[in-house]
Amino acid sequence: MALNLNTSPYFDNFDEAKKFARILFKPGVAVQARELIQLQTILQNTVGNFADHMFKDGARVKGANGVIRKRDFIKINDLDAASATVSNDTLVNYVGDTVTGGTSGLTAKISKTATGLDTDAVDKKTLYIEYTGGSSTGTYLHFEAGETLTVTSTDSGRNGDTFVVDNGTDANDVTRNYFGQGIDFVIEDGIIYINGYFVLHDEQEITLEKYKLTANTFVGVKFVD
């Protein structure tokens, strides 16, 4: 619910119908909070009227481009290489760390994670990664099933941790495969015109599909007043 400014301590009772365009201040007289707030409201009303003529509500004014981003993923087991449990609660802490494959020699940076369980056919623990280095032989295009991934991290508590790549595959359902690509939708930094205001929008990202490259989804920006 929008904040009511026409109450204590603001007392902003600006009314466009009264056609006031300025607030005058007398030298030697203390400026009231009400006057300063109404001055902002007058300016905002003027800017909003002009902007309504130039822009549709919800229009991108600067930046805020929508981008579809593909994400490589690797599903991992509930147990690491030492048979210790990989916690869903702390999996997100590995974002930004690097993993190296013991079999493939590939390296990758973890860009985000998803929780899950071995008992789930599709939604297992998942690392979304950006491959940063290839194998010395050029044989491998992705981490291998059952491969041990070793973490390199600036955090001593995570450095040297391991994950074990899942081995699930299904020729008829790509979402069950242990590797592949999903898609995210990103709205980049920018300015959006909403309800008479030019709102600065920080980059936001949502997952459209975790484990496949096709989606049928409407994406928008929700403005909370």
Protein backbone atom coordinates (compact mmCIF):
# COMPACT_ATOMS: atom_id res chain seq x y z
CA MET A 1 0.00 0.00 0.00
CA ALA A 2 1.32 3.48 -0.91
CA LEU A 3 2.46 5.71 1.96
CA ASN A 4 -0.09 8.43 2.82
CA LEU A 5 1.89 11.68 2.84
CA ASN A 6 -1.10 13.85 3.71
CA THR A 7 -0.73 13.08 7.39
CA SER A 8 1.65 13.85 10.25
CA PRO A 9 4.50 14.63 9.99
CA TYR A 10 4.41 15.29 6.21
CA PHE A 11 1.09 17.13 5.59
CA ASP A 12 1.44 16.95 1.81
CA ASN A 13 -2.01 18.08 0.61
CA PHE A 14 -0.95 18.95 -2.93
CA ASP A 15 -3.91 19.07 -5.31
CA GLU A 16 -3.23 19.40 -9.04
CA ALA A 17 -6.70 20.88 -9.54
CA LYS A 18 -5.69 23.98 -7.54
CA LYS A 19 -3.13 24.75 -10.26
CA PHE A 20 -0.30 25.73 -7.93
CA ALA A 21 2.99 25.59 -9.80
CA ARG A 22 5.43 27.04 -7.27
CA ILE A 23 6.04 27.40 -3.55
CA LEU A 24 7.52 30.72 -2.42
CA PHE A 25 9.72 31.06 0.65
CA LYS A 26 10.00 34.20 2.77
CA PRO A 27 13.49 35.29 3.92
CA GLY A 28 13.92 35.00 7.68
CA VAL A 29 11.01 32.56 8.04
CA ALA A 30 11.69 28.93 8.90
CA VAL A 31 11.04 26.45 6.10
CA GLN A 32 8.41 23.87 6.99
CA ALA A 33 8.66 20.17 6.21
CA ARG A 34 5.26 20.42 4.49
CA GLU A 35 6.61 23.04 2.06
CA LEU A 36 9.67 21.00 1.17
CA ILE A 37 7.63 17.86 0.59
CA GLN A 38 5.02 19.68 -1.50
CA LEU A 39 7.81 21.23 -3.58
CA GLN A 40 8.96 17.72 -4.48
CA THR A 41 5.39 16.68 -5.27
CA ILE A 42 4.89 19.65 -7.61
CA LEU A 43 8.09 18.82 -9.47
CA GLN A 44 7.19 15.12 -9.64
CA ASN A 45 3.72 15.94 -10.94
CA THR A 46 5.19 18.15 -13.66
CA VAL A 47 7.77 15.55 -14.70
CA GLY A 48 5.14 12.81 -14.62
CA ASN A 49 2.73 14.73 -16.87
CA PHE A 50 5.46 15.30 -19.42
CA ALA A 51 6.68 11.71 -19.20
CA ASP A 52 3.13 10.36 -19.66
CA HIS A 53 3.09 12.14 -23.02
CA MET A 54 6.46 10.67 -24.04
CA PHE A 55 6.42 7.14 -22.59
CA LYS A 56 4.02 4.29 -22.05
CA ASP A 57 3.74 3.06 -18.50
CA GLY A 58 6.34 0.32 -18.07
CA ALA A 59 8.52 1.55 -20.93
CA ARG A 60 12.27 0.99 -20.91
CA VAL A 61 13.94 4.40 -20.85
CA LYS A 62 17.56 3.31 -20.58
CA GLY A 63 19.06 -0.16 -20.51
CA ALA A 64 16.88 -2.78 -18.77
CA ASN A 65 17.20 -5.07 -21.78
CA GLY A 66 15.76 -8.55 -21.59
CA VAL A 67 18.33 -11.23 -22.36
CA ILE A 68 17.98 -15.00 -22.61
CA ARG A 69 21.04 -16.65 -21.08
CA LYS A 70 21.98 -20.30 -21.55
CA ARG A 71 23.46 -22.08 -18.54
CA ASP A 72 25.53 -25.28 -18.65
CA PHE A 73 24.68 -27.56 -15.76
CA ILE A 74 26.06 -30.63 -14.05
CA LYS A 75 23.99 -32.65 -11.61
CA ILE A 76 25.85 -33.99 -8.58
CA ASN A 77 25.27 -36.74 -6.03
CA ASP A 78 24.16 -36.29 -2.45
CA LEU A 79 27.52 -37.69 -1.28
CA ASP A 80 30.95 -36.31 -2.11
CA ALA A 81 34.06 -38.34 -3.01
CA ALA A 82 34.65 -39.13 0.68
CA SER A 83 31.02 -40.29 1.12
CA ALA A 84 30.20 -37.18 3.18
CA THR A 85 26.79 -35.56 2.70
CA VAL A 86 26.61 -32.51 0.44
CA SER A 87 24.23 -30.14 2.21
CA ASN A 88 21.43 -28.41 0.33
CA ASP A 89 21.64 -25.59 2.88
CA THR A 90 25.23 -24.64 2.04
CA LEU A 91 25.37 -25.51 -1.65
CA VAL A 92 24.83 -21.87 -2.66
CA ASN A 93 28.04 -20.90 -0.83
CA TYR A 94 30.06 -22.44 -3.67
CA VAL A 95 28.90 -19.81 -6.17
CA GLY A 96 32.04 -18.11 -7.49
CA ASP A 97 34.30 -21.07 -6.73
CA THR A 98 36.01 -23.19 -9.39
CA VAL A 99 35.76 -26.96 -9.88
CA THR A 100 38.25 -29.18 -11.70
CA GLY A 101 37.37 -32.59 -13.13
CA GLY A 102 39.59 -35.46 -12.03
CA THR A 103 38.90 -37.42 -15.21
CA SER A 104 38.34 -34.79 -17.89
CA GLY A 105 40.73 -32.13 -16.62
CA LEU A 106 38.09 -29.49 -17.42
CA THR A 107 37.72 -26.47 -15.16
CA ALA A 108 34.57 -24.46 -14.59
CA LYS A 109 33.34 -21.58 -12.46
CA ILE A 110 30.12 -22.12 -10.50
CA SER A 111 27.65 -19.36 -11.38
CA LYS A 112 24.66 -20.63 -9.38
CA THR A 113 23.30 -23.77 -7.77
CA ALA A 114 20.04 -25.64 -7.30
CA THR A 115 19.13 -27.96 -4.45
CA GLY A 116 17.78 -31.47 -4.81
CA LEU A 117 18.03 -35.13 -3.83
CA ASP A 118 19.32 -38.30 -5.44
CA THR A 119 15.88 -39.82 -5.02
CA ASP A 120 14.34 -37.25 -7.35
CA ALA A 121 14.45 -38.34 -10.98
CA VAL A 122 14.93 -34.78 -12.27
CA ASP A 123 15.62 -32.19 -9.56
CA LYS A 124 18.93 -33.37 -8.16
CA LYS A 125 21.59 -31.10 -6.68
CA THR A 126 22.86 -29.02 -9.59
CA LEU A 127 25.84 -26.83 -10.37
CA TYR A 128 25.33 -24.22 -13.09
CA ILE A 129 28.76 -23.59 -14.51
CA GLU A 130 30.83 -21.64 -17.00
CA TYR A 131 33.61 -23.76 -18.43
CA THR A 132 36.90 -21.90 -18.14
CA GLY A 133 39.45 -24.48 -19.28
CA GLY A 134 39.53 -27.49 -21.59
CA SER A 135 41.11 -30.90 -21.23
CA SER A 136 44.71 -31.32 -22.30
CA THR A 137 43.69 -33.81 -24.97
CA GLY A 138 40.62 -31.93 -26.19
CA THR A 139 38.59 -35.11 -25.78
CA TYR A 140 36.01 -33.88 -23.27
CA LEU A 141 33.26 -31.34 -23.92
CA HIS A 142 31.69 -31.58 -20.46
CA PHE A 143 32.32 -33.22 -17.10
CA GLU A 144 31.88 -36.99 -17.19
CA ALA A 145 29.38 -39.17 -15.36
CA GLY A 146 30.75 -40.28 -11.98
CA GLU A 147 33.69 -37.88 -12.23
CA THR A 148 35.08 -36.27 -9.06
CA LEU A 149 35.09 -32.48 -9.10
CA THR A 150 37.52 -30.74 -6.75
CA VAL A 151 36.74 -27.24 -5.49
CA THR A 152 39.23 -24.40 -5.62
CA SER A 153 38.12 -21.56 -3.36
CA THR A 154 39.53 -18.56 -1.51
CA ASP A 155 37.55 -19.85 1.47
CA SER A 156 39.64 -22.41 3.34
CA GLY A 157 36.48 -24.14 4.53
CA ARG A 158 35.47 -24.99 0.96
CA ASN A 159 38.84 -25.25 -0.74
CA GLY A 160 39.54 -28.89 -1.56
CA ASP A 161 35.93 -30.02 -1.14
CA THR A 162 34.65 -32.48 -3.71
CA PHE A 163 31.49 -33.27 -5.65
CA VAL A 164 30.69 -36.42 -7.59
CA VAL A 165 28.92 -36.01 -10.92
CA ASP A 166 25.62 -37.88 -11.28
CA ASN A 167 25.30 -40.52 -14.02
CA GLY A 168 21.65 -40.31 -15.00
CA THR A 169 20.75 -40.24 -18.69
CA ASP A 170 17.51 -40.54 -20.64
CA ALA A 171 17.42 -40.38 -24.42
CA ASN A 172 13.73 -39.43 -24.35
CA ASP A 173 13.83 -36.79 -21.58
CA VAL A 174 16.73 -34.31 -21.51
CA THR A 175 15.68 -33.05 -18.07
CA ARG A 176 16.81 -36.37 -16.58
CA ASN A 177 20.34 -36.15 -18.02
CA TYR A 178 23.24 -35.42 -15.68
CA PHE A 179 24.57 -32.66 -17.97
CA GLY A 180 23.07 -30.19 -20.43
CA GLN A 181 21.85 -26.62 -20.61
CA GLY A 182 19.01 -24.64 -19.07
CA ILE A 183 17.86 -21.09 -19.77
CA ASP A 184 17.55 -18.01 -17.61
CA PHE A 185 15.93 -14.68 -18.40
CA VAL A 186 17.85 -11.58 -17.35
CA ILE A 187 16.61 -8.00 -17.16
CA GLU A 188 19.74 -5.88 -17.09
CA ASP A 189 20.43 -2.70 -15.13
CA GLY A 190 18.47 0.26 -16.43
CA ILE A 191 15.68 2.77 -15.98
CA ILE A 192 11.99 1.94 -16.39
CA TYR A 193 9.14 4.46 -16.45
CA ILE A 194 6.44 3.33 -14.00
CA ASN A 195 3.53 5.27 -12.47
CA GLY A 196 5.03 8.67 -13.20
CA TYR A 197 8.50 7.76 -11.92
CA PHE A 198 11.77 6.90 -13.62
CA VAL A 199 12.72 3.85 -11.57
CA LEU A 200 16.28 2.55 -11.44
CA HIS A 201 16.14 -1.22 -11.99
CA ASP A 202 18.95 -3.44 -10.75
CA GLU A 203 19.76 -6.50 -12.83
CA GLN A 204 17.52 -9.44 -12.00
CA GLU A 205 17.58 -13.00 -13.24
CA ILE A 206 15.03 -15.79 -13.14
CA THR A 207 15.20 -19.40 -14.26
CA LEU A 208 12.89 -20.25 -17.15
CA GLU A 209 13.91 -23.87 -17.52
CA LYS A 210 16.41 -25.67 -15.29
CA TYR A 211 17.32 -28.51 -17.62
CA LYS A 212 16.24 -27.72 -21.18
CA LEU A 213 16.43 -24.99 -23.81
CA THR A 214 12.75 -24.55 -24.64
CA ALA A 215 10.25 -22.50 -22.63
CA ASN A 216 6.87 -20.83 -23.10
CA THR A 217 6.80 -18.10 -20.46
CA PHE A 218 5.70 -14.49 -20.05
CA VAL A 219 8.24 -12.37 -18.17
CA GLY A 220 7.70 -8.86 -16.81
CA VAL A 221 8.60 -6.41 -14.06
CA LYS A 222 6.33 -6.02 -11.05
CA PHE A 223 6.32 -2.57 -9.46
CA VAL A 224 5.62 -2.51 -5.71
CA ASP A 225 4.36 0.90 -4.59
